[in-house]
Amino acid sequence: MALIKTKFSEVPLDAIILTENDAFKYETEILQNWEKGNDVWAYRYGKFVLAAISGFVGGYLNSHYRLKVRLFSYGRIASYLSTITIPSVTCLFFHDQFVLRGVVLQNECPVCLQLRAAAFQTFAGVVAPSLLAPFASFSLALRYGTYDVPYVTKEPLKAFKFWQSKTRPIGNILFAIFLGQALAGALVTHLEARSVFNVNNELLKLDKSLNNT
């Protein structure tokens, strides 16, 4: 049965009326159990692709700052776990809770959802790792004494200039990553919406064929 949003006055007598939460659960169950994988691949895997991209950026930035402060193997596992896991989980949570629900329910404008997805993706995939990676690397450098890093609590301006000097070489790369993340968030959201549309279109065709028999 296809899920259709319409005015109450236009609801057929034999229709089943659902609340928004019930409609979301119903549509989600259909999408998850849909047999044609090609129709719903973006819905099923899109958010994981975005999370993986965010984690990759976190790993790249972590490598950059670790190299700058000569950490070598010191604290490698701890720094990579935090800079990869936190952006990935943040991205997954934001997209699932604040974007995908609107895509499934089709109760918001598509452009608004794409812009929201782009904003969350740039935050989780650029802003978060850009803060986590230098913090983790500089903290470890201070702990193990591998580089003369200014204490942010004692010399905040000097610490900021230090961060700036280590970040400037990859400024253009960060800008490209920012644009790429925004594009990825918007594109995946568009493809997820296509998945929902394809499934609903198939269900509408099935309903019409059953009504005509």
C-alpha atoms as a PDB file:
ATOM      1  CA  MET A   1       0.000   0.000   0.000  1.00  0.00           C
ATOM      2  CA  ALA A   2       1.375   3.391  -1.015  1.00  0.00           C
ATOM      3  CA  LEU A   3       1.764   6.167   1.542  1.00  0.00           C
ATOM      4  CA  ILE A   4       0.088   9.389   0.396  1.00  0.00           C
ATOM      5  CA  LYS A   5      -0.068  12.756   2.131  1.00  0.00           C
ATOM      6  CA  THR A   6      -3.269  14.666   1.384  1.00  0.00           C
ATOM      7  CA  LYS A   7      -5.926  16.929   2.880  1.00  0.00           C
ATOM      8  CA  PHE A   8      -8.308  15.309   5.366  1.00  0.00           C
ATOM      9  CA  SER A   9     -11.292  16.255   3.194  1.00  0.00           C
ATOM     10  CA  GLU A  10      -9.762  14.318   0.275  1.00  0.00           C
ATOM     11  CA  VAL A  11      -9.080  11.099   2.184  1.00  0.00           C
ATOM     12  CA  PRO A  12     -10.950   8.101   0.668  1.00  0.00           C
ATOM     13  CA  LEU A  13     -13.430   6.291   2.914  1.00  0.00           C
ATOM     14  CA  ASP A  14     -11.421   3.052   2.838  1.00  0.00           C
ATOM     15  CA  ALA A  15      -8.076   4.737   3.573  1.00  0.00           C
ATOM     16  CA  ILE A  16      -6.017   3.987   6.684  1.00  0.00           C
ATOM     17  CA  ILE A  17      -5.051   7.212   8.480  1.00  0.00           C
ATOM     18  CA  LEU A  18      -1.628   7.217  10.156  1.00  0.00           C
ATOM     19  CA  THR A  19       0.123   9.620  12.497  1.00  0.00           C
ATOM     20  CA  GLU A  20       3.458  11.073  11.388  1.00  0.00           C
ATOM     21  CA  ASN A  21       5.404   8.625  13.565  1.00  0.00           C
ATOM     22  CA  ASP A  22       3.361   5.668  12.341  1.00  0.00           C
ATOM     23  CA  ALA A  23       3.816   6.802   8.750  1.00  0.00           C
ATOM     24  CA  PHE A  24       7.579   7.061   9.276  1.00  0.00           C
ATOM     25  CA  LYS A  25       7.757   3.559  10.769  1.00  0.00           C
ATOM     26  CA  TYR A  26       5.598   2.150   7.984  1.00  0.00           C
ATOM     27  CA  GLU A  27       7.630   3.752   5.189  1.00  0.00           C
ATOM     28  CA  THR A  28      10.937   2.810   6.836  1.00  0.00           C
ATOM     29  CA  GLU A  29       9.885  -0.824   7.109  1.00  0.00           C
ATOM     30  CA  ILE A  30       8.942  -0.885   3.435  1.00  0.00           C
ATOM     31  CA  LEU A  31      12.249   0.676   2.372  1.00  0.00           C
ATOM     32  CA  GLN A  32      14.310  -1.682   4.515  1.00  0.00           C
ATOM     33  CA  ASN A  33      12.503  -4.774   3.223  1.00  0.00           C
ATOM     34  CA  TRP A  34      12.264  -3.693  -0.425  1.00  0.00           C
ATOM     35  CA  GLU A  35      13.444  -6.573  -2.608  1.00  0.00           C
ATOM     36  CA  LYS A  36      14.824  -4.491  -5.493  1.00  0.00           C
ATOM     37  CA  GLY A  37      18.110  -3.341  -4.012  1.00  0.00           C
ATOM     38  CA  ASN A  38      18.854  -0.988  -6.913  1.00  0.00           C
ATOM     39  CA  ASP A  39      15.770   1.073  -6.044  1.00  0.00           C
ATOM     40  CA  VAL A  40      16.807   1.761  -2.451  1.00  0.00           C
ATOM     41  CA  TRP A  41      20.610   1.505  -2.339  1.00  0.00           C
ATOM     42  CA  ALA A  42      20.994   5.235  -1.600  1.00  0.00           C
ATOM     43  CA  TYR A  43      18.517   5.046   1.282  1.00  0.00           C
ATOM     44  CA  ARG A  44      20.206   2.003   2.790  1.00  0.00           C
ATOM     45  CA  TYR A  45      23.843   2.976   2.365  1.00  0.00           C
ATOM     46  CA  GLY A  46      23.974   6.734   1.728  1.00  0.00           C
ATOM     47  CA  LYS A  47      24.400   7.761   5.357  1.00  0.00           C
ATOM     48  CA  PHE A  48      27.210   5.233   5.812  1.00  0.00           C
ATOM     49  CA  VAL A  49      29.004   6.628   2.758  1.00  0.00           C
ATOM     50  CA  LEU A  50      28.806  10.122   4.265  1.00  0.00           C
ATOM     51  CA  ALA A  51      30.056   8.826   7.619  1.00  0.00           C
ATOM     52  CA  ALA A  52      32.978   7.078   5.919  1.00  0.00           C
ATOM     53  CA  ILE A  53      33.922  10.283   4.077  1.00  0.00           C
ATOM     54  CA  SER A  54      33.878  12.218   7.348  1.00  0.00           C
ATOM     55  CA  GLY A  55      36.042   9.579   9.003  1.00  0.00           C
ATOM     56  CA  PHE A  56      38.497   9.654   6.103  1.00  0.00           C
ATOM     57  CA  VAL A  57      38.881  13.427   6.429  1.00  0.00           C
ATOM     58  CA  GLY A  58      39.448  13.017  10.161  1.00  0.00           C
ATOM     59  CA  GLY A  59      42.186  10.477   9.476  1.00  0.00           C
ATOM     60  CA  TYR A  60      43.817  12.714   6.868  1.00  0.00           C
ATOM     61  CA  LEU A  61      43.882  15.750   9.168  1.00  0.00           C
ATOM     62  CA  ASN A  62      45.149  13.659  12.048  1.00  0.00           C
ATOM     63  CA  SER A  63      48.042  12.426   9.888  1.00  0.00           C
ATOM     64  CA  HIS A  64      48.843  15.999   8.844  1.00  0.00           C
ATOM     65  CA  TYR A  65      49.052  17.402  12.367  1.00  0.00           C
ATOM     66  CA  ARG A  66      50.850  14.354  13.764  1.00  0.00           C
ATOM     67  CA  LEU A  67      53.522  14.817  11.121  1.00  0.00           C
ATOM     68  CA  LYS A  68      53.829  18.536  11.883  1.00  0.00           C
ATOM     69  CA  VAL A  69      54.542  17.927  15.576  1.00  0.00           C
ATOM     70  CA  ARG A  70      56.703  14.832  14.971  1.00  0.00           C
ATOM     71  CA  LEU A  71      54.614  12.374  16.935  1.00  0.00           C
ATOM     72  CA  PHE A  72      55.745   9.340  14.936  1.00  0.00           C
ATOM     73  CA  SER A  73      54.130   6.370  16.743  1.00  0.00           C
ATOM     74  CA  TYR A  74      53.275   8.155  20.003  1.00  0.00           C
ATOM     75  CA  GLY A  75      49.571   7.892  20.820  1.00  0.00           C
ATOM     76  CA  ARG A  76      48.755   6.765  17.301  1.00  0.00           C
ATOM     77  CA  ILE A  77      45.798   4.516  18.116  1.00  0.00           C
ATOM     78  CA  ALA A  78      44.188   6.967  20.536  1.00  0.00           C
ATOM     79  CA  SER A  79      44.438   9.924  18.170  1.00  0.00           C
ATOM     80  CA  TYR A  80      43.169   8.042  15.127  1.00  0.00           C
ATOM     81  CA  LEU A  81      40.275   6.515  17.049  1.00  0.00           C
ATOM     82  CA  SER A  82      39.041   9.899  18.227  1.00  0.00           C
ATOM     83  CA  THR A  83      39.552  11.815  14.980  1.00  0.00           C
ATOM     84  CA  ILE A  84      37.954   9.125  12.829  1.00  0.00           C
ATOM     85  CA  THR A  85      35.225   7.754  15.101  1.00  0.00           C
ATOM     86  CA  ILE A  86      33.765  11.015  16.439  1.00  0.00           C
ATOM     87  CA  PRO A  87      33.227  12.699  13.024  1.00  0.00           C
ATOM     88  CA  SER A  88      31.808   9.465  11.576  1.00  0.00           C
ATOM     89  CA  VAL A  89      29.349   8.892  14.419  1.00  0.00           C
ATOM     90  CA  THR A  90      28.369  12.579  14.488  1.00  0.00           C
ATOM     91  CA  CYS A  91      27.700  12.551  10.751  1.00  0.00           C
ATOM     92  CA  LEU A  92      25.673   9.343  10.980  1.00  0.00           C
ATOM     93  CA  PHE A  93      23.552  10.663  13.855  1.00  0.00           C
ATOM     94  CA  PHE A  94      22.831  14.086  12.346  1.00  0.00           C
ATOM     95  CA  HIS A  95      21.963  12.744   8.912  1.00  0.00           C
ATOM     96  CA  ASP A  96      19.785   9.954  10.258  1.00  0.00           C
ATOM     97  CA  GLN A  97      17.861  12.126  12.731  1.00  0.00           C
ATOM     98  CA  PHE A  98      17.583  15.485  10.989  1.00  0.00           C
ATOM     99  CA  VAL A  99      17.705  14.712   7.263  1.00  0.00           C
ATOM    100  CA  LEU A 100      16.612  11.159   6.488  1.00  0.00           C
ATOM    101  CA  ARG A 101      13.353  11.440   8.436  1.00  0.00           C
ATOM    102  CA  GLY A 102      12.273  14.379   6.278  1.00  0.00           C
ATOM    103  CA  VAL A 103      13.298  12.495   3.146  1.00  0.00           C
ATOM    104  CA  VAL A 104      11.191   9.476   4.112  1.00  0.00           C
ATOM    105  CA  LEU A 105       8.114  11.492   5.142  1.00  0.00           C
ATOM    106  CA  GLN A 106       8.428  13.893   2.174  1.00  0.00           C
ATOM    107  CA  ASN A 107       7.029  16.674   4.364  1.00  0.00           C
ATOM    108  CA  GLU A 108       9.772  19.259   3.738  1.00  0.00           C
ATOM    109  CA  CYS A 109      11.011  21.039   0.638  1.00  0.00           C
ATOM    110  CA  PRO A 110      13.777  19.042  -1.121  1.00  0.00           C
ATOM    111  CA  VAL A 111      16.107  22.046  -1.369  1.00  0.00           C
ATOM    112  CA  CYS A 112      15.760  22.698   2.382  1.00  0.00           C
ATOM    113  CA  LEU A 113      16.711  19.093   3.124  1.00  0.00           C
ATOM    114  CA  GLN A 114      19.692  19.235   0.784  1.00  0.00           C
ATOM    115  CA  LEU A 115      20.948  22.464   2.348  1.00  0.00           C
ATOM    116  CA  ARG A 116      20.522  21.002   5.828  1.00  0.00           C
ATOM    117  CA  ALA A 117      22.355  17.852   4.808  1.00  0.00           C
ATOM    118  CA  ALA A 118      25.191  19.920   3.326  1.00  0.00           C
ATOM    119  CA  ALA A 119      25.459  21.974   6.528  1.00  0.00           C
ATOM    120  CA  PHE A 120      25.561  18.918   8.795  1.00  0.00           C
ATOM    121  CA  GLN A 121      28.038  17.184   6.495  1.00  0.00           C
ATOM    122  CA  THR A 122      30.450  20.118   6.478  1.00  0.00           C
ATOM    123  CA  PHE A 123      30.208  20.356  10.264  1.00  0.00           C
ATOM    124  CA  ALA A 124      30.789  16.648  10.890  1.00  0.00           C
ATOM    125  CA  GLY A 125      33.217  16.161   8.012  1.00  0.00           C
ATOM    126  CA  VAL A 126      35.262  19.383   8.148  1.00  0.00           C
ATOM    127  CA  VAL A 127      34.688  21.515  11.250  1.00  0.00           C
ATOM    128  CA  ALA A 128      34.725  18.682  13.806  1.00  0.00           C
ATOM    129  CA  PRO A 129      37.887  16.940  12.532  1.00  0.00           C
ATOM    130  CA  SER A 130      39.576  20.333  12.029  1.00  0.00           C
ATOM    131  CA  LEU A 131      39.156  20.925  15.760  1.00  0.00           C
ATOM    132  CA  LEU A 132      39.746  17.379  16.976  1.00  0.00           C
ATOM    133  CA  ALA A 133      42.873  16.574  14.953  1.00  0.00           C
ATOM    134  CA  PRO A 134      45.069  19.506  16.058  1.00  0.00           C
ATOM    135  CA  PHE A 135      43.793  19.247  19.635  1.00  0.00           C
ATOM    136  CA  ALA A 136      44.695  15.554  19.795  1.00  0.00           C
ATOM    137  CA  SER A 137      48.082  15.989  18.118  1.00  0.00           C
ATOM    138  CA  PHE A 138      49.132  19.082  20.057  1.00  0.00           C
ATOM    139  CA  SER A 139      48.074  17.500  23.356  1.00  0.00           C
ATOM    140  CA  LEU A 140      50.126  14.400  22.613  1.00  0.00           C
ATOM    141  CA  ALA A 141      53.101  16.519  21.532  1.00  0.00           C
ATOM    142  CA  LEU A 142      53.002  18.298  24.885  1.00  0.00           C
ATOM    143  CA  ARG A 143      52.637  15.031  26.754  1.00  0.00           C
ATOM    144  CA  TYR A 144      55.526  13.271  25.024  1.00  0.00           C
ATOM    145  CA  GLY A 145      57.649  16.373  24.449  1.00  0.00           C
ATOM    146  CA  THR A 146      58.059  15.836  20.709  1.00  0.00           C
ATOM    147  CA  TYR A 147      57.500  19.492  19.775  1.00  0.00           C
ATOM    148  CA  ASP A 148      57.439  22.899  21.436  1.00  0.00           C
ATOM    149  CA  VAL A 149      53.679  23.531  21.428  1.00  0.00           C
ATOM    150  CA  PRO A 150      52.348  26.638  23.247  1.00  0.00           C
ATOM    151  CA  TYR A 151      49.850  25.988  26.034  1.00  0.00           C
ATOM    152  CA  VAL A 152      46.455  27.315  24.977  1.00  0.00           C
ATOM    153  CA  THR A 153      45.558  28.124  28.596  1.00  0.00           C
ATOM    154  CA  LYS A 154      48.718  30.165  29.175  1.00  0.00           C
ATOM    155  CA  GLU A 155      49.408  31.650  25.739  1.00  0.00           C
ATOM    156  CA  PRO A 156      46.147  31.537  23.748  1.00  0.00           C
ATOM    157  CA  LEU A 157      47.273  33.985  21.049  1.00  0.00           C
ATOM    158  CA  LYS A 158      50.566  32.190  20.549  1.00  0.00           C
ATOM    159  CA  ALA A 159      48.744  28.846  20.465  1.00  0.00           C
ATOM    160  CA  PHE A 160      46.348  30.180  17.830  1.00  0.00           C
ATOM    161  CA  LYS A 161      49.223  31.427  15.671  1.00  0.00           C
ATOM    162  CA  PHE A 162      50.928  28.064  16.081  1.00  0.00           C
ATOM    163  CA  TRP A 163      47.774  26.274  14.901  1.00  0.00           C
ATOM    164  CA  GLN A 164      47.489  28.754  12.032  1.00  0.00           C
ATOM    165  CA  SER A 165      51.058  28.118  10.899  1.00  0.00           C
ATOM    166  CA  LYS A 166      50.478  24.360  10.837  1.00  0.00           C
ATOM    167  CA  THR A 167      47.113  24.664   9.067  1.00  0.00           C
ATOM    168  CA  ARG A 168      47.998  27.258   6.404  1.00  0.00           C
ATOM    169  CA  PRO A 169      49.830  24.753   4.122  1.00  0.00           C
ATOM    170  CA  ILE A 170      46.618  22.766   3.642  1.00  0.00           C
ATOM    171  CA  GLY A 171      44.254  25.761   3.497  1.00  0.00           C
ATOM    172  CA  ASN A 172      43.331  25.165  -0.150  1.00  0.00           C
ATOM    173  CA  ILE A 173      42.861  21.456   0.493  1.00  0.00           C
ATOM    174  CA  LEU A 174      40.552  22.205   3.420  1.00  0.00           C
ATOM    175  CA  PHE A 175      38.500  24.542   1.251  1.00  0.00           C
ATOM    176  CA  ALA A 176      38.200  21.848  -1.429  1.00  0.00           C
ATOM    177  CA  ILE A 177      37.199  19.317   1.237  1.00  0.00           C
ATOM    178  CA  PHE A 178      34.579  21.753   2.541  1.00  0.00           C
ATOM    179  CA  LEU A 179      33.026  22.114  -0.918  1.00  0.00           C
ATOM    180  CA  GLY A 180      33.250  18.366  -1.520  1.00  0.00           C
ATOM    181  CA  GLN A 181      31.542  17.554   1.764  1.00  0.00           C
ATOM    182  CA  ALA A 182      28.728  20.016   1.078  1.00  0.00           C
ATOM    183  CA  LEU A 183      28.237  18.528  -2.384  1.00  0.00           C
ATOM    184  CA  ALA A 184      28.323  14.972  -1.009  1.00  0.00           C
ATOM    185  CA  GLY A 185      25.692  15.758   1.617  1.00  0.00           C
ATOM    186  CA  ALA A 186      23.362  17.359  -0.921  1.00  0.00           C
ATOM    187  CA  LEU A 187      23.910  14.656  -3.554  1.00  0.00           C
ATOM    188  CA  VAL A 188      23.337  11.721  -1.204  1.00  0.00           C
ATOM    189  CA  THR A 189      20.163  13.377   0.102  1.00  0.00           C
ATOM    190  CA  HIS A 190      18.930  13.805  -3.474  1.00  0.00           C
ATOM    191  CA  LEU A 191      19.613  10.133  -4.203  1.00  0.00           C
ATOM    192  CA  GLU A 192      17.876   9.087  -0.978  1.00  0.00           C
ATOM    193  CA  ALA A 193      14.821  11.086  -2.028  1.00  0.00           C
ATOM    194  CA  ARG A 194      14.941   9.315  -5.400  1.00  0.00           C
ATOM    195  CA  SER A 195      14.914   5.979  -3.567  1.00  0.00           C
ATOM    196  CA  VAL A 196      11.774   6.941  -1.643  1.00  0.00           C
ATOM    197  CA  PHE A 197      10.141   8.242  -4.828  1.00  0.00           C
ATOM    198  CA  ASN A 198      10.948   5.036  -6.735  1.00  0.00           C
ATOM    199  CA  VAL A 199       9.421   2.841  -4.036  1.00  0.00           C
ATOM    200  CA  ASN A 200       6.290   4.969  -3.672  1.00  0.00           C
ATOM    201  CA  ASN A 201       5.892   5.057  -7.445  1.00  0.00           C
ATOM    202  CA  GLU A 202       6.057   1.257  -7.605  1.00  0.00           C
ATOM    203  CA  LEU A 203       3.498   0.964  -4.795  1.00  0.00           C
ATOM    204  CA  LEU A 204       1.129   3.392  -6.531  1.00  0.00           C
ATOM    205  CA  LYS A 205       1.355   1.347  -9.730  1.00  0.00           C
ATOM    206  CA  LEU A 206       0.623  -1.811  -7.742  1.00  0.00           C
ATOM    207  CA  ASP A 207      -2.383  -0.185  -6.038  1.00  0.00           C
ATOM    208  CA  LYS A 208      -3.798   0.945  -9.389  1.00  0.00           C
ATOM    209  CA  SER A 209      -3.358  -2.491 -10.936  1.00  0.00           C
ATOM    210  CA  LEU A 210      -5.121  -4.118  -7.969  1.00  0.00           C
ATOM    211  CA  ASN A 211      -7.981  -1.616  -8.098  1.00  0.00           C
ATOM    212  CA  ASN A 212      -8.471  -2.265 -11.808  1.00  0.00           C
ATOM    213  CA  THR A 213      -8.804  -6.018 -11.340  1.00  0.00           C
END
